[in-house]
Every structure is written in structure tokens, then in C-alpha cells.
Amino acid sequence: MKPAAIHEFYRRLAELNPEPASELEYVNPYTLLVAVVLSAQATDVGVNKATGPLFKVVDSPEKMVALGETGLKGYIKTIGLFNTKAKNVIALSKLLIEKHGSKVPRDRELLQELPGVGRKTANVVLNVAFGEPTIAVDTHIFRVGNRTGLAPGKTPFDVEEKLEKATPAAFKRHAHHWLILHGRYICKARKPDCWRCAVAAFCKFKPKTKAPKA
């Protein structure tokens, strides 16, 4: 996709949703970090159902450690891989207390040193909690990058690198959310809704899908 087309691609997404936001519910950077760790291989809706009650009683690493692994499991047992996730959340909470003064570090490398935190999770936290222009490539963004031709790549890191280079500076702050929401609701995995897509004119996917018959 050429630079002019990329600019218009983002401009149209921005016009539709000027201030996009994460669909994960959280109350501070720490609860955001926990929510993102829990969201791996799970839906935001499913995570929010579990963390709604959890974050009413736990909003800091100290409270999480006090709750303990068994107590945490009681809140998140509806989420996939909850045993491993509970262990990671307790472990990362202890590390935040011991090494970071209970604060979530504003640094990708330090975030990735925490149990259960990979590059994607770190990028989400940096973007959502701290306003950094990072782009976290999940399954939705990976699909949109490849399907549209915006940033084709064989791995999430490939797509991330290409998006970093291709995305105009003016759009980097919100690019992550525009792309993930576009992939979640329009450019869906099984069959994209090309007929109601604002950026279909720039997309390389063919043949474009048509509106279902009434």
C-alpha cells in the first residue's frame, strides 16, 4: 500500500472513531496489566466479566499478593488457562513490589521481564496506560495487516515492524486500537464485511464480500 493510501486508510478510521479505547476494563495501570495478561487466548468480554468483581477488591500488587493464587483462581476460573495465569499474576505482582516500588514500569524490556508478559502485552500497556505510540499485534491486527496489504508479514513481529514504518506519526498513538477494532468488527476472520468497510477502496482482499440479501 502506497503512503498516500495508508494516510487515507488511517484518516478514514480516525474519522469514524476519533478517540478509540481499549475494550478491556481497568482502573489503573496495574489492573490494566493484569487484564491484558488474563486476555491471552481469551475474549475481552470474558475477561471483563471476571475482572469486574476482582478489581472491586484488588487494585494493587499488594492486594493481589494478599488475595493469593487460590483466591485469584476463584475470580478468574471462567477464563482459559486460568491456573497458569493466576500463577503469573501473583508472581508479577511480587516482582512489581520487590523491584519497581509497586509501580508498572514504563519500559518494554522491564515489562517483558515480568511473568506472563510478552511483547504484545507490554505494547498494550505502554499504549493504553502511558500513551506511548506502540502497536501491539494480536490476531486481529495480524489479519488486517496481511489481508489489506497495509503491513504484510509472516510473524506478528514482522507486521509490527512494518506498521511502525508505514504508519504516519499523526496516527501512531491510536493505530493499535483502530486496527484491532476494525479487525474485530469489520475485517472479521471468517468473512470480512467489505460492503460496510470504510477503507475497502485501499484493501487488496478480493473478491470483496457483498451485503447479505434482505
N, C-alpha and C. Protein backbone atom coordinates (compact mmCIF):
# COMPACT_ATOMS: atom_id res chain seq x y z
N MET A 1 0.85 -1.19 0.00
CA MET A 1 0.00 0.00 0.00
C MET A 1 0.90 1.25 0.00
N LYS A 2 0.61 2.18 -0.87
CA LYS A 2 1.43 3.39 -1.00
C LYS A 2 1.15 4.37 0.14
N PRO A 3 2.13 5.23 0.44
CA PRO A 3 1.98 6.17 1.56
C PRO A 3 0.70 7.00 1.54
N ALA A 4 0.30 7.48 0.37
CA ALA A 4 -0.91 8.30 0.29
C ALA A 4 -2.14 7.47 0.66
N ALA A 5 -2.16 6.22 0.21
CA ALA A 5 -3.28 5.34 0.53
C ALA A 5 -3.30 5.00 2.01
N ILE A 6 -2.13 4.78 2.60
CA ILE A 6 -2.04 4.48 4.02
C ILE A 6 -2.55 5.65 4.86
N HIS A 7 -2.17 6.84 4.46
CA HIS A 7 -2.63 8.04 5.18
C HIS A 7 -4.16 8.13 5.13
N GLU A 8 -4.73 7.90 3.96
CA GLU A 8 -6.19 7.98 3.84
C GLU A 8 -6.86 6.82 4.56
N PHE A 9 -6.23 5.66 4.57
CA PHE A 9 -6.72 4.49 5.30
C PHE A 9 -6.93 4.86 6.78
N TYR A 10 -5.89 5.41 7.37
CA TYR A 10 -5.99 5.79 8.79
C TYR A 10 -6.92 6.99 8.99
N ARG A 11 -6.88 7.93 8.06
CA ARG A 11 -7.73 9.11 8.22
C ARG A 11 -9.20 8.73 8.30
N ARG A 12 -9.59 7.75 7.47
CA ARG A 12 -10.98 7.32 7.48
C ARG A 12 -11.34 6.58 8.77
N LEU A 13 -10.41 5.76 9.27
CA LEU A 13 -10.66 5.07 10.53
C LEU A 13 -10.75 6.09 11.67
N ALA A 14 -9.91 7.10 11.62
CA ALA A 14 -9.91 8.14 12.65
C ALA A 14 -11.19 8.97 12.61
N GLU A 15 -11.69 9.20 11.42
CA GLU A 15 -12.92 9.98 11.26
C GLU A 15 -14.10 9.25 11.89
N LEU A 16 -14.11 7.93 11.76
CA LEU A 16 -15.19 7.12 12.33
C LEU A 16 -15.10 7.02 13.85
N ASN A 17 -13.87 7.03 14.38
CA ASN A 17 -13.67 6.83 15.82
C ASN A 17 -12.46 7.67 16.27
N PRO A 18 -12.68 8.96 16.51
CA PRO A 18 -11.56 9.87 16.82
C PRO A 18 -10.77 9.50 18.07
N GLU A 19 -11.45 8.95 19.07
CA GLU A 19 -10.77 8.62 20.33
C GLU A 19 -11.03 7.16 20.71
N PRO A 20 -10.41 6.23 20.01
CA PRO A 20 -10.66 4.81 20.30
C PRO A 20 -10.07 4.43 21.65
N ALA A 21 -10.65 3.42 22.28
CA ALA A 21 -10.18 3.00 23.60
C ALA A 21 -10.19 1.48 23.71
N SER A 22 -9.43 0.99 24.64
CA SER A 22 -9.41 -0.45 24.90
C SER A 22 -10.77 -0.91 25.38
N GLU A 23 -11.17 -2.10 24.98
CA GLU A 23 -12.43 -2.66 25.47
C GLU A 23 -12.24 -3.46 26.75
N LEU A 24 -10.99 -3.59 27.19
CA LEU A 24 -10.72 -4.19 28.49
C LEU A 24 -11.01 -3.14 29.57
N GLU A 25 -11.66 -3.57 30.64
CA GLU A 25 -11.98 -2.65 31.73
C GLU A 25 -10.87 -2.70 32.79
N TYR A 26 -10.49 -1.52 33.28
CA TYR A 26 -9.41 -1.43 34.26
C TYR A 26 -9.56 -0.14 35.04
N VAL A 27 -8.83 -0.02 36.14
CA VAL A 27 -8.95 1.18 36.97
C VAL A 27 -7.63 1.94 37.10
N ASN A 28 -6.52 1.30 36.79
CA ASN A 28 -5.20 1.94 36.85
C ASN A 28 -4.22 1.09 36.04
N PRO A 29 -2.98 1.55 35.87
CA PRO A 29 -2.02 0.77 35.07
C PRO A 29 -1.82 -0.67 35.55
N TYR A 30 -1.86 -0.87 36.86
CA TYR A 30 -1.67 -2.23 37.38
C TYR A 30 -2.81 -3.15 36.97
N THR A 31 -4.05 -2.70 37.14
CA THR A 31 -5.18 -3.55 36.76
C THR A 31 -5.24 -3.74 35.25
N LEU A 32 -4.78 -2.74 34.50
CA LEU A 32 -4.69 -2.93 33.04
C LEU A 32 -3.72 -4.05 32.72
N LEU A 33 -2.55 -4.02 33.35
CA LEU A 33 -1.55 -5.07 33.14
C LEU A 33 -2.13 -6.44 33.44
N VAL A 34 -2.82 -6.56 34.56
CA VAL A 34 -3.43 -7.84 34.93
C VAL A 34 -4.46 -8.26 33.89
N ALA A 35 -5.31 -7.32 33.46
CA ALA A 35 -6.35 -7.63 32.48
C ALA A 35 -5.76 -8.11 31.16
N VAL A 36 -4.67 -7.46 30.73
CA VAL A 36 -4.06 -7.85 29.45
C VAL A 36 -3.42 -9.24 29.57
N VAL A 37 -2.78 -9.53 30.69
CA VAL A 37 -2.21 -10.86 30.91
C VAL A 37 -3.32 -11.91 30.88
N LEU A 38 -4.44 -11.61 31.49
CA LEU A 38 -5.56 -12.55 31.52
C LEU A 38 -6.22 -12.71 30.15
N SER A 39 -6.06 -11.71 29.27
CA SER A 39 -6.77 -11.73 27.98
C SER A 39 -6.12 -12.62 26.93
N ALA A 40 -4.94 -13.14 27.21
CA ALA A 40 -4.28 -14.03 26.24
C ALA A 40 -5.17 -15.24 25.95
N GLN A 41 -5.45 -15.46 24.67
CA GLN A 41 -6.31 -16.57 24.23
C GLN A 41 -7.68 -16.53 24.90
N ALA A 42 -8.17 -15.32 25.15
CA ALA A 42 -9.49 -15.14 25.74
C ALA A 42 -10.10 -13.87 25.14
N THR A 43 -11.40 -13.71 25.28
CA THR A 43 -12.05 -12.51 24.76
C THR A 43 -12.07 -11.41 25.81
N ASP A 44 -12.10 -10.16 25.35
CA ASP A 44 -12.19 -9.04 26.28
C ASP A 44 -13.48 -9.13 27.10
N VAL A 45 -14.55 -9.55 26.46
CA VAL A 45 -15.84 -9.69 27.16
C VAL A 45 -15.73 -10.68 28.31
N GLY A 46 -15.10 -11.82 28.02
CA GLY A 46 -14.94 -12.85 29.05
C GLY A 46 -14.05 -12.38 30.19
N VAL A 47 -12.99 -11.66 29.85
CA VAL A 47 -12.09 -11.14 30.88
C VAL A 47 -12.80 -10.10 31.74
N ASN A 48 -13.55 -9.21 31.11
CA ASN A 48 -14.26 -8.17 31.86
C ASN A 48 -15.26 -8.74 32.86
N LYS A 49 -15.90 -9.85 32.49
CA LYS A 49 -16.86 -10.48 33.40
C LYS A 49 -16.16 -10.97 34.67
N ALA A 50 -14.92 -11.44 34.49
CA ALA A 50 -14.17 -11.94 35.64
C ALA A 50 -13.53 -10.80 36.45
N THR A 51 -12.98 -9.82 35.75
CA THR A 51 -12.24 -8.77 36.45
C THR A 51 -13.14 -7.70 37.05
N GLY A 52 -14.39 -7.61 36.61
CA GLY A 52 -15.31 -6.65 37.22
C GLY A 52 -15.36 -6.83 38.74
N PRO A 53 -15.73 -8.02 39.20
CA PRO A 53 -15.74 -8.27 40.65
C PRO A 53 -14.34 -8.25 41.27
N LEU A 54 -13.35 -8.75 40.53
CA LEU A 54 -11.98 -8.81 41.06
C LEU A 54 -11.43 -7.43 41.36
N PHE A 55 -11.58 -6.52 40.42
CA PHE A 55 -10.98 -5.19 40.59
C PHE A 55 -11.72 -4.32 41.60
N LYS A 56 -12.84 -4.79 42.09
CA LYS A 56 -13.53 -4.08 43.17
C LYS A 56 -12.84 -4.33 44.51
N VAL A 57 -12.10 -5.43 44.58
CA VAL A 57 -11.40 -5.76 45.83
C VAL A 57 -9.88 -5.73 45.68
N VAL A 58 -9.38 -5.80 44.44
CA VAL A 58 -7.94 -5.81 44.20
C VAL A 58 -7.58 -4.75 43.16
N ASP A 59 -6.79 -3.77 43.55
CA ASP A 59 -6.35 -2.74 42.60
C ASP A 59 -4.88 -2.40 42.77
N SER A 60 -4.12 -3.28 43.45
CA SER A 60 -2.70 -3.05 43.65
C SER A 60 -1.97 -4.39 43.78
N PRO A 61 -0.67 -4.40 43.54
CA PRO A 61 0.09 -5.64 43.70
C PRO A 61 -0.01 -6.22 45.11
N GLU A 62 0.00 -5.33 46.11
CA GLU A 62 -0.08 -5.80 47.50
C GLU A 62 -1.39 -6.54 47.77
N LYS A 63 -2.48 -5.99 47.29
CA LYS A 63 -3.78 -6.63 47.50
C LYS A 63 -3.87 -7.95 46.75
N MET A 64 -3.22 -8.02 45.58
CA MET A 64 -3.24 -9.25 44.79
C MET A 64 -2.44 -10.35 45.51
N VAL A 65 -1.30 -9.98 46.04
CA VAL A 65 -0.48 -10.96 46.76
C VAL A 65 -1.23 -11.44 48.01
N ALA A 66 -1.92 -10.52 48.66
CA ALA A 66 -2.70 -10.89 49.85
C ALA A 66 -3.84 -11.83 49.48
N LEU A 67 -4.44 -11.61 48.33
CA LEU A 67 -5.52 -12.48 47.86
C LEU A 67 -5.00 -13.89 47.63
N GLY A 68 -3.81 -13.97 47.05
CA GLY A 68 -3.17 -15.27 46.84
C GLY A 68 -3.64 -15.97 45.58
N GLU A 69 -2.87 -16.97 45.19
CA GLU A 69 -3.14 -17.69 43.95
C GLU A 69 -4.49 -18.40 43.98
N THR A 70 -4.81 -19.06 45.09
CA THR A 70 -6.08 -19.78 45.21
C THR A 70 -7.25 -18.81 45.16
N GLY A 71 -7.11 -17.69 45.88
CA GLY A 71 -8.18 -16.69 45.88
C GLY A 71 -8.40 -16.10 44.51
N LEU A 72 -7.30 -15.84 43.80
CA LEU A 72 -7.41 -15.28 42.45
C LEU A 72 -8.12 -16.25 41.51
N LYS A 73 -7.79 -17.52 41.63
CA LYS A 73 -8.43 -18.52 40.76
C LYS A 73 -9.95 -18.50 40.90
N GLY A 74 -10.42 -18.21 42.09
CA GLY A 74 -11.87 -18.16 42.30
C GLY A 74 -12.55 -17.09 41.45
N TYR A 75 -11.81 -16.02 41.15
CA TYR A 75 -12.36 -14.94 40.33
C TYR A 75 -12.21 -15.21 38.83
N ILE A 76 -11.13 -15.89 38.45
CA ILE A 76 -10.81 -15.99 37.01
C ILE A 76 -11.00 -17.39 36.44
N LYS A 77 -11.68 -18.25 37.15
CA LYS A 77 -11.81 -19.65 36.71
C LYS A 77 -12.59 -19.82 35.41
N THR A 78 -13.31 -18.78 35.01
CA THR A 78 -14.06 -18.85 33.74
C THR A 78 -13.18 -18.50 32.54
N ILE A 79 -11.95 -18.06 32.81
CA ILE A 79 -11.03 -17.66 31.74
C ILE A 79 -10.10 -18.82 31.39
N GLY A 80 -9.86 -19.02 30.12
CA GLY A 80 -8.98 -20.10 29.68
C GLY A 80 -7.59 -19.98 30.29
N LEU A 81 -6.98 -21.13 30.58
CA LEU A 81 -5.62 -21.20 31.14
C LEU A 81 -5.51 -20.47 32.47
N PHE A 82 -6.60 -20.48 33.26
CA PHE A 82 -6.62 -19.67 34.48
C PHE A 82 -5.60 -20.11 35.53
N ASN A 83 -5.24 -21.38 35.55
CA ASN A 83 -4.24 -21.84 36.53
C ASN A 83 -2.89 -21.18 36.29
N THR A 84 -2.43 -21.23 35.03
CA THR A 84 -1.15 -20.62 34.68
C THR A 84 -1.20 -19.11 34.83
N LYS A 85 -2.31 -18.52 34.43
CA LYS A 85 -2.44 -17.07 34.53
C LYS A 85 -2.44 -16.59 35.97
N ALA A 86 -3.09 -17.36 36.85
CA ALA A 86 -3.11 -16.98 38.27
C ALA A 86 -1.70 -17.00 38.84
N LYS A 87 -0.94 -18.03 38.48
CA LYS A 87 0.44 -18.14 38.96
C LYS A 87 1.27 -16.96 38.46
N ASN A 88 1.10 -16.59 37.19
CA ASN A 88 1.85 -15.47 36.62
C ASN A 88 1.47 -14.14 37.26
N VAL A 89 0.18 -13.93 37.48
CA VAL A 89 -0.27 -12.66 38.06
C VAL A 89 0.27 -12.48 39.48
N ILE A 90 0.26 -13.53 40.26
CA ILE A 90 0.81 -13.43 41.62
C ILE A 90 2.31 -13.18 41.55
N ALA A 91 3.00 -13.88 40.65
CA ALA A 91 4.45 -13.72 40.53
C ALA A 91 4.82 -12.32 40.05
N LEU A 92 4.11 -11.81 39.06
CA LEU A 92 4.44 -10.47 38.55
C LEU A 92 4.11 -9.40 39.60
N SER A 93 3.09 -9.65 40.39
CA SER A 93 2.73 -8.70 41.45
C SER A 93 3.84 -8.62 42.49
N LYS A 94 4.40 -9.77 42.84
CA LYS A 94 5.52 -9.80 43.80
C LYS A 94 6.73 -9.06 43.24
N LEU A 95 7.01 -9.25 41.94
CA LEU A 95 8.15 -8.58 41.33
C LEU A 95 7.95 -7.06 41.26
N LEU A 96 6.72 -6.65 41.00
CA LEU A 96 6.44 -5.21 40.98
C LEU A 96 6.72 -4.59 42.34
N ILE A 97 6.36 -5.30 43.40
CA ILE A 97 6.60 -4.82 44.76
C ILE A 97 8.10 -4.78 45.05
N GLU A 98 8.79 -5.87 44.71
CA GLU A 98 10.20 -6.02 45.05
C GLU A 98 11.14 -5.13 44.23
N LYS A 99 10.84 -4.99 42.94
CA LYS A 99 11.78 -4.31 42.04
C LYS A 99 11.33 -2.94 41.54
N HIS A 100 10.03 -2.66 41.60
CA HIS A 100 9.54 -1.44 40.96
C HIS A 100 8.69 -0.56 41.87
N GLY A 101 8.80 -0.76 43.17
CA GLY A 101 8.05 0.07 44.09
C GLY A 101 6.56 -0.01 43.88
N SER A 102 6.09 -1.19 43.45
CA SER A 102 4.67 -1.47 43.20
C SER A 102 4.11 -0.74 41.99
N LYS A 103 4.98 -0.07 41.23
CA LYS A 103 4.54 0.65 40.05
C LYS A 103 4.78 -0.18 38.78
N VAL A 104 3.91 -0.01 37.79
CA VAL A 104 4.09 -0.66 36.50
C VAL A 104 5.14 0.13 35.72
N PRO A 105 6.25 -0.48 35.33
CA PRO A 105 7.30 0.27 34.63
C PRO A 105 6.88 0.72 33.24
N ARG A 106 7.32 1.92 32.88
CA ARG A 106 7.02 2.47 31.55
C ARG A 106 8.20 2.14 30.63
N ASP A 107 8.46 0.85 30.49
CA ASP A 107 9.61 0.39 29.73
C ASP A 107 9.33 -1.02 29.22
N ARG A 108 9.46 -1.22 27.92
CA ARG A 108 9.10 -2.51 27.32
C ARG A 108 9.95 -3.65 27.87
N GLU A 109 11.24 -3.44 27.95
CA GLU A 109 12.13 -4.51 28.42
C GLU A 109 11.82 -4.91 29.86
N LEU A 110 11.60 -3.93 30.70
CA LEU A 110 11.27 -4.22 32.10
C LEU A 110 9.92 -4.92 32.21
N LEU A 111 8.97 -4.52 31.40
CA LEU A 111 7.67 -5.18 31.40
C LEU A 111 7.80 -6.63 30.97
N GLN A 112 8.61 -6.88 29.95
CA GLN A 112 8.77 -8.24 29.44
C GLN A 112 9.52 -9.15 30.40
N GLU A 113 10.14 -8.59 31.41
CA GLU A 113 10.79 -9.40 32.44
C GLU A 113 9.76 -9.96 33.43
N LEU A 114 8.56 -9.44 33.40
CA LEU A 114 7.51 -9.91 34.32
C LEU A 114 6.89 -11.20 33.81
N PRO A 115 6.58 -12.15 34.70
CA PRO A 115 5.98 -13.42 34.29
C PRO A 115 4.67 -13.22 33.52
N GLY A 116 4.54 -13.90 32.40
CA GLY A 116 3.32 -13.84 31.61
C GLY A 116 3.21 -12.63 30.70
N VAL A 117 4.26 -11.82 30.67
CA VAL A 117 4.22 -10.59 29.85
C VAL A 117 5.16 -10.73 28.66
N GLY A 118 4.57 -10.80 27.47
CA GLY A 118 5.35 -10.84 26.24
C GLY A 118 5.35 -9.48 25.58
N ARG A 119 5.87 -9.42 24.39
CA ARG A 119 5.98 -8.14 23.68
C ARG A 119 4.60 -7.51 23.41
N LYS A 120 3.64 -8.34 23.02
CA LYS A 120 2.31 -7.81 22.73
C LYS A 120 1.70 -7.18 23.97
N THR A 121 1.75 -7.89 25.09
CA THR A 121 1.19 -7.37 26.34
C THR A 121 1.89 -6.08 26.75
N ALA A 122 3.22 -6.07 26.64
CA ALA A 122 3.98 -4.87 27.00
C ALA A 122 3.56 -3.69 26.13
N ASN A 123 3.39 -3.92 24.85
CA ASN A 123 2.99 -2.84 23.94
C ASN A 123 1.61 -2.30 24.26
N VAL A 124 0.69 -3.19 24.63
CA VAL A 124 -0.66 -2.74 25.01
C VAL A 124 -0.59 -1.84 26.23
N VAL A 125 0.15 -2.27 27.24
CA VAL A 125 0.26 -1.49 28.47
C VAL A 125 0.90 -0.13 28.20
N LEU A 126 1.96 -0.11 27.41
CA LEU A 126 2.63 1.15 27.09
C LEU A 126 1.69 2.10 26.34
N ASN A 127 0.90 1.55 25.45
CA ASN A 127 -0.01 2.37 24.65
C ASN A 127 -1.19 2.87 25.46
N VAL A 128 -1.85 1.96 26.15
CA VAL A 128 -3.10 2.31 26.84
C VAL A 128 -2.85 3.06 28.15
N ALA A 129 -1.89 2.58 28.94
CA ALA A 129 -1.66 3.19 30.25
C ALA A 129 -0.82 4.47 30.17
N PHE A 130 0.12 4.50 29.22
CA PHE A 130 1.08 5.60 29.19
C PHE A 130 1.05 6.45 27.92
N GLY A 131 0.19 6.09 26.98
CA GLY A 131 0.06 6.90 25.77
C GLY A 131 1.21 6.78 24.80
N GLU A 132 2.01 5.72 24.93
CA GLU A 132 3.13 5.52 24.00
C GLU A 132 2.59 5.07 22.64
N PRO A 133 3.22 5.48 21.53
CA PRO A 133 2.73 5.13 20.19
C PRO A 133 3.16 3.72 19.76
N THR A 134 2.91 2.74 20.62
CA THR A 134 3.26 1.36 20.31
C THR A 134 2.10 0.65 19.63
N ILE A 135 2.41 -0.37 18.86
CA ILE A 135 1.39 -1.14 18.15
C ILE A 135 1.52 -2.61 18.54
N ALA A 136 0.55 -3.09 19.27
CA ALA A 136 0.57 -4.48 19.74
C ALA A 136 -0.15 -5.35 18.72
N VAL A 137 0.57 -6.27 18.12
CA VAL A 137 -0.02 -7.09 17.05
C VAL A 137 -0.63 -8.36 17.62
N ASP A 138 -1.96 -8.38 17.67
CA ASP A 138 -2.68 -9.58 18.06
C ASP A 138 -3.21 -10.26 16.80
N THR A 139 -4.08 -11.24 16.97
CA THR A 139 -4.60 -11.96 15.80
C THR A 139 -5.37 -11.05 14.86
N HIS A 140 -6.10 -10.07 15.41
CA HIS A 140 -6.88 -9.16 14.57
C HIS A 140 -5.98 -8.27 13.73
N ILE A 141 -4.98 -7.67 14.38
CA ILE A 141 -4.09 -6.76 13.66
C ILE A 141 -3.22 -7.53 12.67
N PHE A 142 -2.82 -8.74 13.04
CA PHE A 142 -2.04 -9.58 12.12
C PHE A 142 -2.85 -9.86 10.86
N ARG A 143 -4.13 -10.16 11.04
CA ARG A 143 -5.01 -10.44 9.91
C ARG A 143 -5.23 -9.20 9.05
N VAL A 144 -5.52 -8.08 9.68
CA VAL A 144 -5.77 -6.84 8.93
C VAL A 144 -4.51 -6.40 8.17
N GLY A 145 -3.36 -6.50 8.83
CA GLY A 145 -2.11 -6.11 8.18
C GLY A 145 -1.84 -6.91 6.92
N ASN A 146 -2.12 -8.22 6.99
CA ASN A 146 -1.87 -9.09 5.85
C ASN A 146 -2.98 -9.03 4.81
N ARG A 147 -4.21 -9.06 5.26
CA ARG A 147 -5.34 -9.12 4.32
C ARG A 147 -5.46 -7.85 3.49
N THR A 148 -5.26 -6.71 4.12
CA THR A 148 -5.42 -5.44 3.41
C THR A 148 -4.20 -5.08 2.57
N GLY A 149 -3.04 -5.62 2.96
CA GLY A 149 -1.81 -5.21 2.30
C GLY A 149 -1.15 -4.03 3.00
N LEU A 150 -1.74 -3.61 4.12
CA LEU A 150 -1.18 -2.49 4.87
C LEU A 150 0.20 -2.81 5.43
N ALA A 151 0.35 -4.02 5.97
CA ALA A 151 1.64 -4.42 6.55
C ALA A 151 1.75 -5.94 6.53
N PRO A 152 1.96 -6.53 5.36
CA PRO A 152 2.05 -7.99 5.27
C PRO A 152 3.31 -8.53 5.95
N GLY A 153 3.17 -9.65 6.65
CA GLY A 153 4.31 -10.25 7.32
C GLY A 153 3.99 -11.66 7.76
N LYS A 154 5.02 -12.48 7.92
CA LYS A 154 4.82 -13.88 8.28
C LYS A 154 4.66 -14.07 9.79
N THR A 155 5.14 -13.13 10.57
CA THR A 155 5.04 -13.22 12.03
C THR A 155 4.47 -11.92 12.59
N PRO A 156 3.94 -11.96 13.81
CA PRO A 156 3.45 -10.72 14.43
C PRO A 156 4.52 -9.64 14.50
N PHE A 157 5.77 -10.04 14.75
CA PHE A 157 6.86 -9.05 14.83
C PHE A 157 7.11 -8.42 13.46
N ASP A 158 7.02 -9.23 12.41
CA ASP A 158 7.17 -8.68 11.05
C ASP A 158 6.12 -7.61 10.79
N VAL A 159 4.87 -7.93 11.14
CA VAL A 159 3.77 -6.99 10.93
C VAL A 159 3.96 -5.74 11.78
N GLU A 160 4.39 -5.93 13.02
CA GLU A 160 4.62 -4.79 13.91
C GLU A 160 5.68 -3.85 13.33
N GLU A 161 6.79 -4.41 12.86
CA GLU A 161 7.85 -3.60 12.29
C GLU A 161 7.37 -2.81 11.08
N LYS A 162 6.59 -3.48 10.22
CA LYS A 162 6.10 -2.80 9.02
C LYS A 162 5.08 -1.71 9.37
N LEU A 163 4.25 -1.98 10.37
CA LEU A 163 3.29 -0.96 10.80
C LEU A 163 4.01 0.24 11.40
N GLU A 164 5.06 -0.02 12.17
CA GLU A 164 5.84 1.07 12.76
C GLU A 164 6.41 1.99 11.68
N LYS A 165 6.86 1.38 10.59
CA LYS A 165 7.46 2.16 9.49
C LYS A 165 6.40 2.84 8.62
N ALA A 166 5.29 2.14 8.40
CA ALA A 166 4.29 2.64 7.45
C ALA A 166 3.30 3.64 8.05
N THR A 167 3.03 3.53 9.34
CA THR A 167 2.01 4.37 9.97
C THR A 167 2.51 5.81 10.15
N PRO A 168 1.80 6.78 9.60
CA PRO A 168 2.20 8.18 9.77
C PRO A 168 2.20 8.56 11.25
N ALA A 169 3.13 9.41 11.63
CA ALA A 169 3.29 9.80 13.04
C ALA A 169 2.00 10.31 13.67
N ALA A 170 1.21 11.03 12.88
CA ALA A 170 -0.03 11.61 13.40
C ALA A 170 -1.04 10.56 13.83
N PHE A 171 -0.90 9.35 13.32
CA PHE A 171 -1.87 8.29 13.61
C PHE A 171 -1.33 7.19 14.53
N LYS A 172 -0.06 7.27 14.90
CA LYS A 172 0.54 6.16 15.67
C LYS A 172 -0.06 5.98 17.05
N ARG A 173 -0.44 7.06 17.69
CA ARG A 173 -0.98 6.97 19.06
C ARG A 173 -2.18 6.03 19.14
N HIS A 174 -3.06 6.11 18.13
CA HIS A 174 -4.30 5.31 18.18
C HIS A 174 -4.33 4.17 17.16
N ALA A 175 -3.26 3.99 16.40
CA ALA A 175 -3.26 2.97 15.35
C ALA A 175 -3.63 1.59 15.88
N HIS A 176 -3.08 1.25 17.03
CA HIS A 176 -3.35 -0.06 17.65
C HIS A 176 -4.84 -0.31 17.79
N HIS A 177 -5.55 0.65 18.34
CA HIS A 177 -6.99 0.44 18.57
C HIS A 177 -7.82 0.52 17.30
N TRP A 178 -7.46 1.42 16.40
CA TRP A 178 -8.21 1.46 15.14
C TRP A 178 -8.13 0.13 14.41
N LEU A 179 -6.93 -0.45 14.37
CA LEU A 179 -6.75 -1.71 13.64
C LEU A 179 -7.39 -2.89 14.35
N ILE A 180 -7.28 -2.95 15.67
CA ILE A 180 -7.85 -4.08 16.39
C ILE A 180 -9.37 -4.05 16.33
N LEU A 181 -9.95 -2.87 16.46
CA LEU A 181 -11.41 -2.75 16.39
C LEU A 181 -11.91 -3.02 14.97
N HIS A 182 -11.14 -2.59 13.99
CA HIS A 182 -11.51 -2.86 12.60
C HIS A 182 -11.51 -4.37 12.35
N GLY A 183 -10.49 -5.05 12.86
CA GLY A 183 -10.42 -6.49 12.69
C GLY A 183 -11.48 -7.23 13.47
N ARG A 184 -11.85 -6.71 14.61
CA ARG A 184 -12.83 -7.38 15.47
C ARG A 184 -14.26 -7.26 14.93
N TYR A 185 -14.57 -6.11 14.34
CA TYR A 185 -15.97 -5.86 13.96
C TYR A 185 -16.25 -5.75 12.45
N ILE A 186 -15.24 -5.47 11.66
CA ILE A 186 -15.45 -5.32 10.21
C ILE A 186 -14.66 -6.37 9.42
N CYS A 187 -13.36 -6.35 9.58
CA CYS A 187 -12.48 -7.26 8.83
C CYS A 187 -12.33 -8.58 9.60
N LYS A 188 -13.47 -9.24 9.81
CA LYS A 188 -13.55 -10.42 10.67
C LYS A 188 -12.86 -11.64 10.05
N ALA A 189 -12.49 -12.58 10.91
CA ALA A 189 -11.67 -13.71 10.48
C ALA A 189 -12.31 -14.55 9.38
N ARG A 190 -13.50 -15.04 9.62
CA ARG A 190 -14.12 -15.96 8.66
C ARG A 190 -14.55 -15.27 7.38
N LYS A 191 -15.15 -14.11 7.54
CA LYS A 191 -15.66 -13.40 6.37
C LYS A 191 -15.75 -11.91 6.67
N PRO A 192 -14.92 -11.10 6.03
CA PRO A 192 -14.96 -9.66 6.29
C PRO A 192 -16.22 -9.00 5.73
N ASP A 193 -16.66 -7.95 6.40
CA ASP A 193 -17.83 -7.19 5.93
C ASP A 193 -17.35 -6.08 5.00
N CYS A 194 -16.84 -6.45 3.84
CA CYS A 194 -16.30 -5.47 2.89
C CYS A 194 -17.34 -4.43 2.49
N TRP A 195 -18.58 -4.85 2.42
CA TRP A 195 -19.66 -3.97 1.97
C TRP A 195 -19.92 -2.80 2.91
N ARG A 196 -19.46 -2.89 4.14
CA ARG A 196 -19.63 -1.76 5.06
C ARG A 196 -18.30 -1.26 5.61
N CYS A 197 -17.24 -1.53 4.85
CA CYS A 197 -15.89 -1.14 5.27
C CYS A 197 -15.51 0.22 4.71
N ALA A 198 -15.06 1.10 5.59
CA ALA A 198 -14.70 2.47 5.18
C ALA A 198 -13.40 2.53 4.40
N VAL A 199 -12.59 1.47 4.50
CA VAL A 199 -11.29 1.50 3.83
C VAL A 199 -11.16 0.42 2.75
N ALA A 200 -12.28 -0.10 2.30
CA ALA A 200 -12.27 -1.16 1.29
C ALA A 200 -11.59 -0.74 0.00
N ALA A 201 -11.65 0.54 -0.32
CA ALA A 201 -11.07 1.04 -1.57
C ALA A 201 -9.55 0.87 -1.61
N PHE A 202 -8.93 0.73 -0.46
CA PHE A 202 -7.47 0.62 -0.40
C PHE A 202 -7.00 -0.81 -0.11
N CYS A 203 -7.93 -1.70 0.09
CA CYS A 203 -7.63 -3.07 0.53
C CYS A 203 -7.41 -4.01 -0.65
N LYS A 204 -6.42 -4.89 -0.51
CA LYS A 204 -6.07 -5.81 -1.59
C LYS A 204 -6.88 -7.11 -1.56
N PHE A 205 -7.72 -7.27 -0.56
CA PHE A 205 -8.51 -8.50 -0.46
C PHE A 205 -9.53 -8.60 -1.60
N LYS A 206 -9.56 -9.76 -2.25
CA LYS A 206 -10.51 -10.00 -3.35
C LYS A 206 -10.98 -11.44 -3.30
N PRO A 207 -12.23 -11.67 -3.75
CA PRO A 207 -13.23 -10.65 -4.12
C PRO A 207 -13.86 -10.06 -2.88
N LYS A 208 -14.26 -8.81 -2.96
CA LYS A 208 -14.90 -8.15 -1.83
C LYS A 208 -16.26 -8.79 -1.55
N THR A 209 -16.59 -8.92 -0.29
CA THR A 209 -17.88 -9.51 0.08
C THR A 209 -18.99 -8.47 -0.14
N LYS A 210 -20.18 -8.99 -0.39
CA LYS A 210 -21.34 -8.12 -0.63
C LYS A 210 -22.33 -8.21 0.50
N ALA A 211 -23.15 -7.20 0.62
CA ALA A 211 -24.14 -7.15 1.70
C ALA A 211 -25.09 -8.32 1.58
N PRO A 212 -25.45 -8.95 2.70
CA PRO A 212 -26.41 -10.06 2.65
C PRO A 212 -27.77 -9.59 2.14
N LYS A 213 -28.43 -10.46 1.45
CA LYS A 213 -29.75 -10.12 0.91
C LYS A 213 -30.77 -10.05 2.03
N ALA A 214 -31.65 -9.08 1.89
CA ALA A 214 -32.67 -8.86 2.94
C ALA A 214 -33.65 -10.03 2.95
